[in-house]
């Protein structure tokens, strides 16, 4: 990818890497809008506010360019905590339904419930 396509935010604790996330500035799925991707905090560092700090930083960064940001979340139990975090932060499903590998799943089709199965959500910034 070319320069300026993606920004990577890294979290550290006492100079140790503990997590990261990326902002892709022009997501194909979200029609060219920014998309938060690859949100990861190492298990021993979870539930310490590190993920919230990363989300705060990403949303602040995106707000400099866009009033809307998207994020996809996996559907199985390993993503349960992320699903709850996104709802608490105001992310709502975008109404496109189940996606698999970035493509909509038609009614009646069968897909594997793995990391490629997602529900996409958006956060629309509220006015001042």
Protein backbone atom coordinates (compact mmCIF):
# COMPACT_ATOMS: atom_id res chain seq x y z
CA UNK A 1 0.00 0.00 0.00
CA UNK A 2 1.12 3.51 -0.70
CA UNK A 3 2.01 6.12 1.87
CA UNK A 4 -0.94 7.65 3.65
CA UNK A 5 -3.25 4.68 2.99
CA UNK A 6 -3.13 3.39 6.57
CA UNK A 7 -2.01 4.70 9.96
CA UNK A 8 -0.94 2.25 12.66
CA UNK A 9 -1.50 3.15 16.31
CA UNK A 10 0.66 1.26 18.81
CA UNK A 11 0.13 0.92 22.57
CA UNK A 12 3.01 0.36 24.96
CA UNK A 13 3.38 -0.20 28.69
CA UNK A 14 6.81 0.62 30.14
CA UNK A 15 8.21 0.56 26.59
CA UNK A 16 6.76 -2.92 25.92
CA UNK A 17 4.44 -3.47 22.97
CA UNK A 18 0.96 -4.34 24.30
CA UNK A 19 -1.43 -3.64 21.42
CA UNK A 20 -2.21 -1.91 18.15
CA UNK A 21 -4.92 -0.98 15.66
CA UNK A 22 -4.94 0.50 12.20
CA UNK A 23 -6.99 3.14 10.44
CA UNK A 24 -7.42 2.49 6.75
CA UNK A 25 -8.29 5.84 5.24
CA UNK A 26 -10.29 4.68 2.22
CA UNK A 27 -12.12 1.42 2.87
CA UNK A 28 -13.58 -0.21 -0.22
CA UNK A 29 -16.45 -1.64 1.84
CA UNK A 30 -17.39 1.67 3.42
CA UNK A 31 -17.41 3.52 0.10
CA UNK A 32 -14.11 5.28 0.61
CA UNK A 33 -14.75 6.21 4.25
CA UNK A 34 -12.20 5.42 6.99
CA UNK A 35 -12.27 2.00 8.61
CA UNK A 36 -10.75 0.89 11.93
CA UNK A 37 -9.07 -2.51 11.47
CA UNK A 38 -6.83 -5.02 13.25
CA UNK A 39 -7.72 -4.05 16.82
CA UNK A 40 -5.56 -6.15 19.15
CA UNK A 41 -4.48 -5.91 22.77
CA UNK A 42 -2.29 -8.71 24.14
CA UNK A 43 -4.31 -10.89 26.58
CA UNK A 44 -2.31 -10.07 29.73
CA UNK A 45 -2.97 -6.34 29.15
CA UNK A 46 -6.72 -6.48 28.51
CA UNK A 47 -9.24 -4.81 30.82
CA UNK A 48 -6.73 -2.09 31.75
CA UNK A 49 -8.07 0.67 29.48
CA UNK A 50 -5.49 0.09 26.75
CA UNK A 51 -8.10 -0.82 24.14
CA UNK A 52 -10.19 2.21 25.08
CA UNK A 53 -7.10 4.38 24.71
CA UNK A 54 -6.45 2.96 21.25
CA UNK A 55 -10.08 3.51 20.24
CA UNK A 56 -9.99 7.09 21.59
CA UNK A 57 -6.83 7.80 19.62
CA UNK A 58 -8.21 6.27 16.41
CA UNK A 59 -11.53 8.12 16.67
CA UNK A 60 -9.72 11.41 17.35
CA UNK A 61 -7.46 10.82 14.34
CA UNK A 62 -10.40 9.97 12.08
CA UNK A 63 -12.41 12.99 13.29
CA UNK A 64 -9.74 15.23 11.72
CA UNK A 65 -10.86 13.98 8.28
CA UNK A 66 -14.31 12.40 8.56
CA UNK A 67 -17.51 12.51 10.60
CA UNK A 68 -18.04 8.77 9.98
CA UNK A 69 -15.86 5.73 10.67
CA UNK A 70 -16.59 2.05 10.11
CA UNK A 71 -15.47 -1.10 11.87
CA UNK A 72 -16.18 -4.78 11.25
CA UNK A 73 -16.58 -7.21 14.13
CA UNK A 74 -16.44 -10.99 14.12
CA UNK A 75 -19.53 -12.96 15.02
CA UNK A 76 -18.36 -15.81 17.24
CA UNK A 77 -17.80 -15.74 21.01
CA UNK A 78 -14.12 -14.75 20.83
CA UNK A 79 -15.35 -11.35 19.58
CA UNK A 80 -17.96 -10.94 22.32
CA UNK A 81 -15.98 -8.38 24.29
CA UNK A 82 -15.31 -6.33 21.14
CA UNK A 83 -19.00 -6.50 20.19
CA UNK A 84 -19.97 -5.04 23.57
CA UNK A 85 -17.25 -2.36 23.45
CA UNK A 86 -18.36 -1.12 20.03
CA UNK A 87 -22.02 -0.88 21.09
CA UNK A 88 -21.06 1.04 24.26
CA UNK A 89 -19.02 3.44 22.12
CA UNK A 90 -22.01 4.15 19.86
CA UNK A 91 -21.24 1.93 16.85
CA UNK A 92 -24.38 0.59 15.21
CA UNK A 93 -24.84 -1.99 12.45
CA UNK A 94 -24.77 -0.30 9.06
CA UNK A 95 -27.79 -2.28 7.83
CA UNK A 96 -25.97 -4.34 5.21
CA UNK A 97 -26.21 -7.55 7.25
CA UNK A 98 -23.77 -10.41 7.41
CA UNK A 99 -20.57 -10.05 5.42
CA UNK A 100 -18.08 -12.74 4.49
CA UNK A 101 -14.62 -11.74 3.36
CA UNK A 102 -15.92 -8.22 2.71
CA UNK A 103 -18.87 -9.36 0.57
CA UNK A 104 -22.57 -9.44 1.53
CA UNK A 105 -24.03 -12.88 2.25
CA UNK A 106 -27.29 -13.43 0.37
CA UNK A 107 -30.28 -14.83 2.29
CA UNK A 108 -30.21 -18.62 2.37
CA UNK A 109 -26.48 -18.89 1.69
CA UNK A 110 -24.20 -20.77 4.05
CA UNK A 111 -20.86 -19.41 5.22
CA UNK A 112 -18.22 -20.61 7.64
CA UNK A 113 -18.26 -18.83 11.02
CA UNK A 114 -14.61 -17.77 11.06
CA UNK A 115 -12.70 -14.48 11.10
CA UNK A 116 -14.00 -13.58 7.63
CA UNK A 117 -17.63 -13.55 8.85
CA UNK A 118 -18.40 -10.08 10.17
CA UNK A 119 -21.10 -7.56 10.92
CA UNK A 120 -20.03 -4.09 9.90
CA UNK A 121 -20.85 -1.12 12.05
CA UNK A 122 -20.45 2.63 11.80
CA UNK A 123 -20.02 5.49 14.21
CA UNK A 124 -21.34 8.83 13.07
CA UNK A 125 -19.86 11.76 14.95
CA UNK A 126 -22.36 13.85 16.82
CA UNK A 127 -22.21 17.60 16.38
CA UNK A 128 -20.48 19.82 18.95
